[in-house]
């Protein structure tokens, strides 16, 4: 669906999941922050943008590192005594949506209040889209991204395109 009120594009989503072990979280976060060269988001739903990537806290001990298009993954070494990391990029795609009609379109897709503080620009919310788990990431006043499982991306894209908005 492409109109002046709404656009949807689909792209690969280089994504790394990083988990810290219970009891070692403070040291894990200190090491990770130093390795990335930036502070980490403090609470679930917060994000921090830094040099070609976005750090998203998706759970108390779990972070996602979403790389911008064309950005290369840095050599991220996580001490196995403190946590682990795994690439999720092969299994996810990024839907980028924008336009004046975005709130109307999303109201038919996901259970996230576009006007709520938890969905403000720069915030992330785990939710579902047509019974599929997705990460909603608000990127601007009239823009957002959804990180969706690759195996559902075509059907979700078709479903959104078919909405009568």
Protein backbone atom coordinates (compact mmCIF):
# COMPACT_ATOMS: atom_id res chain seq x y z
CA UNK A 1 0.00 0.00 0.00
CA UNK A 2 1.60 3.25 -1.12
CA UNK A 3 -0.34 6.49 -0.87
CA UNK A 4 0.33 10.01 0.36
CA UNK A 5 -1.17 8.93 3.69
CA UNK A 6 0.73 5.66 4.16
CA UNK A 7 3.73 3.75 2.81
CA UNK A 8 5.16 0.35 3.67
CA UNK A 9 8.57 -0.98 2.72
CA UNK A 10 10.18 -4.29 3.66
CA UNK A 11 13.93 -4.88 4.13
CA UNK A 12 16.33 -7.28 5.78
CA UNK A 13 16.95 -6.62 9.45
CA UNK A 14 20.45 -7.30 10.73
CA UNK A 15 19.70 -8.05 14.38
CA UNK A 16 21.71 -9.44 17.30
CA UNK A 17 20.14 -10.62 20.55
CA UNK A 18 22.29 -10.19 23.66
CA UNK A 19 21.34 -11.73 27.01
CA UNK A 20 22.91 -11.25 30.43
CA UNK A 21 22.91 -13.99 33.06
CA UNK A 22 21.00 -13.48 36.29
CA UNK A 23 23.40 -12.42 39.05
CA UNK A 24 25.97 -11.02 36.60
CA UNK A 25 23.85 -8.30 35.02
CA UNK A 26 25.74 -5.27 36.35
CA UNK A 27 29.11 -6.51 35.09
CA UNK A 28 27.54 -7.76 31.82
CA UNK A 29 25.99 -4.34 31.15
CA UNK A 30 29.18 -2.49 32.06
CA UNK A 31 31.24 -4.65 29.67
CA UNK A 32 28.64 -4.41 26.89
CA UNK A 33 28.32 -0.64 27.22
CA UNK A 34 32.11 -0.29 26.95
CA UNK A 35 32.22 -2.66 23.97
CA UNK A 36 29.48 -0.76 22.10
CA UNK A 37 30.80 2.65 23.07
CA UNK A 38 27.45 3.89 24.35
CA UNK A 39 25.15 3.71 27.34
CA UNK A 40 22.50 1.00 27.36
CA UNK A 41 18.74 1.58 27.62
CA UNK A 42 17.77 1.46 31.29
CA UNK A 43 14.28 -0.02 31.13
CA UNK A 44 12.20 -2.29 28.88
CA UNK A 45 11.00 -0.37 25.84
CA UNK A 46 13.80 2.21 25.89
CA UNK A 47 16.18 2.56 22.97
CA UNK A 48 19.58 4.15 22.44
CA UNK A 49 20.81 5.10 18.95
CA UNK A 50 24.55 5.09 18.28
CA UNK A 51 26.73 5.06 15.13
CA UNK A 52 24.78 2.85 12.75
CA UNK A 53 22.83 0.78 15.25
CA UNK A 54 19.98 0.92 17.74
CA UNK A 55 20.12 -0.79 21.13
CA UNK A 56 16.64 -1.88 22.28
CA UNK A 57 15.89 -3.28 25.74
CA UNK A 58 13.23 -5.90 25.01
CA UNK A 59 13.32 -7.59 28.45
CA UNK A 60 15.06 -6.93 31.77
CA UNK A 61 18.15 -8.99 30.80
CA UNK A 62 17.74 -8.99 27.00
CA UNK A 63 18.83 -6.41 24.44
CA UNK A 64 18.46 -6.35 20.68
CA UNK A 65 21.09 -4.63 18.59
CA UNK A 66 19.39 -3.55 15.33
CA UNK A 67 21.88 -2.50 12.67
CA UNK A 68 21.02 0.22 10.16
CA UNK A 69 20.85 -0.70 6.49
CA UNK A 70 24.38 -1.24 5.22
CA UNK A 71 25.94 -1.16 8.70
CA UNK A 72 28.33 -3.96 9.52
CA UNK A 73 28.11 -5.87 12.78
CA UNK A 74 31.04 -4.99 14.98
CA UNK A 75 32.98 -7.80 16.54
CA UNK A 76 30.90 -8.19 19.66
CA UNK A 77 32.49 -10.55 22.15
CA UNK A 78 30.33 -11.41 25.15
CA UNK A 79 32.05 -13.07 28.10
CA UNK A 80 30.25 -16.47 28.41
CA UNK A 81 30.38 -16.13 32.20
CA UNK A 82 28.27 -12.97 31.91
CA UNK A 83 25.92 -13.66 29.01
CA UNK A 84 25.59 -14.64 25.36
CA UNK A 85 24.73 -13.27 21.94
CA UNK A 86 23.05 -14.76 18.89
CA UNK A 87 22.27 -13.37 15.45
CA UNK A 88 18.55 -13.14 14.68
CA UNK A 89 18.93 -11.35 11.35
CA UNK A 90 18.29 -14.37 9.16
CA UNK A 91 14.93 -14.87 10.85
CA UNK A 92 13.61 -11.28 10.88
CA UNK A 93 12.69 -8.53 8.45
CA UNK A 94 11.98 -4.85 9.04
CA UNK A 95 8.74 -3.21 7.94
CA UNK A 96 9.18 0.57 7.67
CA UNK A 97 5.91 2.47 7.69
CA UNK A 98 5.28 6.19 7.37
CA UNK A 99 2.63 8.73 6.50
CA UNK A 100 -0.18 10.79 7.92
CA UNK A 101 -2.48 7.74 7.98
CA UNK A 102 -0.12 5.51 9.96
CA UNK A 103 -2.04 5.65 13.25
CA UNK A 104 -5.25 4.64 11.44
CA UNK A 105 -3.51 1.71 9.71
CA UNK A 106 -1.82 0.49 12.89
CA UNK A 107 -5.08 0.70 14.84
CA UNK A 108 -6.28 -2.13 12.59
CA UNK A 109 -3.08 -4.16 13.03
CA UNK A 110 -1.63 -4.00 16.53
CA UNK A 111 -2.76 -3.40 20.11
CA UNK A 112 -0.55 -0.37 20.77
CA UNK A 113 -1.96 3.09 21.47
CA UNK A 114 -0.11 5.44 19.09
CA UNK A 115 -0.67 8.34 21.52
CA UNK A 116 0.49 6.57 24.69
CA UNK A 117 3.84 7.56 26.27
CA UNK A 118 4.98 3.91 25.97
CA UNK A 119 4.68 4.27 22.17
CA UNK A 120 6.35 7.69 21.87
CA UNK A 121 9.11 8.19 19.28
CA UNK A 122 12.21 6.26 20.33
CA UNK A 123 10.23 3.64 22.28
CA UNK A 124 9.75 -0.07 21.49
CA UNK A 125 6.87 -2.40 22.40
CA UNK A 126 6.61 -6.16 21.94
CA UNK A 127 3.14 -6.91 20.62
CA UNK A 128 1.46 -9.04 17.97
CA UNK A 129 0.25 -8.43 14.44
CA UNK A 130 -2.45 -10.78 13.19
CA UNK A 131 -1.42 -13.31 15.90
CA UNK A 132 2.31 -13.07 15.06
CA UNK A 133 4.79 -11.66 17.63
CA UNK A 134 6.44 -8.43 16.43
CA UNK A 135 8.50 -5.59 17.85
CA UNK A 136 6.89 -2.18 17.27
CA UNK A 137 9.48 0.59 17.16
CA UNK A 138 8.24 4.18 16.94
CA UNK A 139 10.73 6.15 14.85
CA UNK A 140 8.98 9.49 14.42
CA UNK A 141 5.79 11.50 14.65
CA UNK A 142 4.36 9.69 11.61
CA UNK A 143 6.75 6.75 11.23
CA UNK A 144 7.50 3.38 12.78
CA UNK A 145 9.15 0.06 12.13
CA UNK A 146 7.94 -3.44 12.87
CA UNK A 147 10.48 -6.23 13.23
CA UNK A 148 8.66 -9.37 12.15
CA UNK A 149 9.54 -13.05 11.69
CA UNK A 150 10.76 -13.63 8.11
CA UNK A 151 8.51 -16.68 7.70
CA UNK A 152 5.42 -14.45 8.15
CA UNK A 153 6.66 -11.32 6.41
CA UNK A 154 4.95 -11.88 3.05
CA UNK A 155 1.56 -12.75 4.54
CA UNK A 156 1.74 -9.83 7.00
CA UNK A 157 2.76 -7.43 4.24
CA UNK A 158 -0.10 -8.66 2.04
CA UNK A 159 -2.53 -8.37 4.96
CA UNK A 160 -1.50 -4.76 5.66
CA UNK A 161 -1.69 -3.92 1.93
CA UNK A 162 -5.22 -5.30 1.89
CA UNK A 163 -6.51 -3.11 4.72
CA UNK A 164 -9.21 -0.66 3.73
CA UNK A 165 -7.89 2.51 5.31
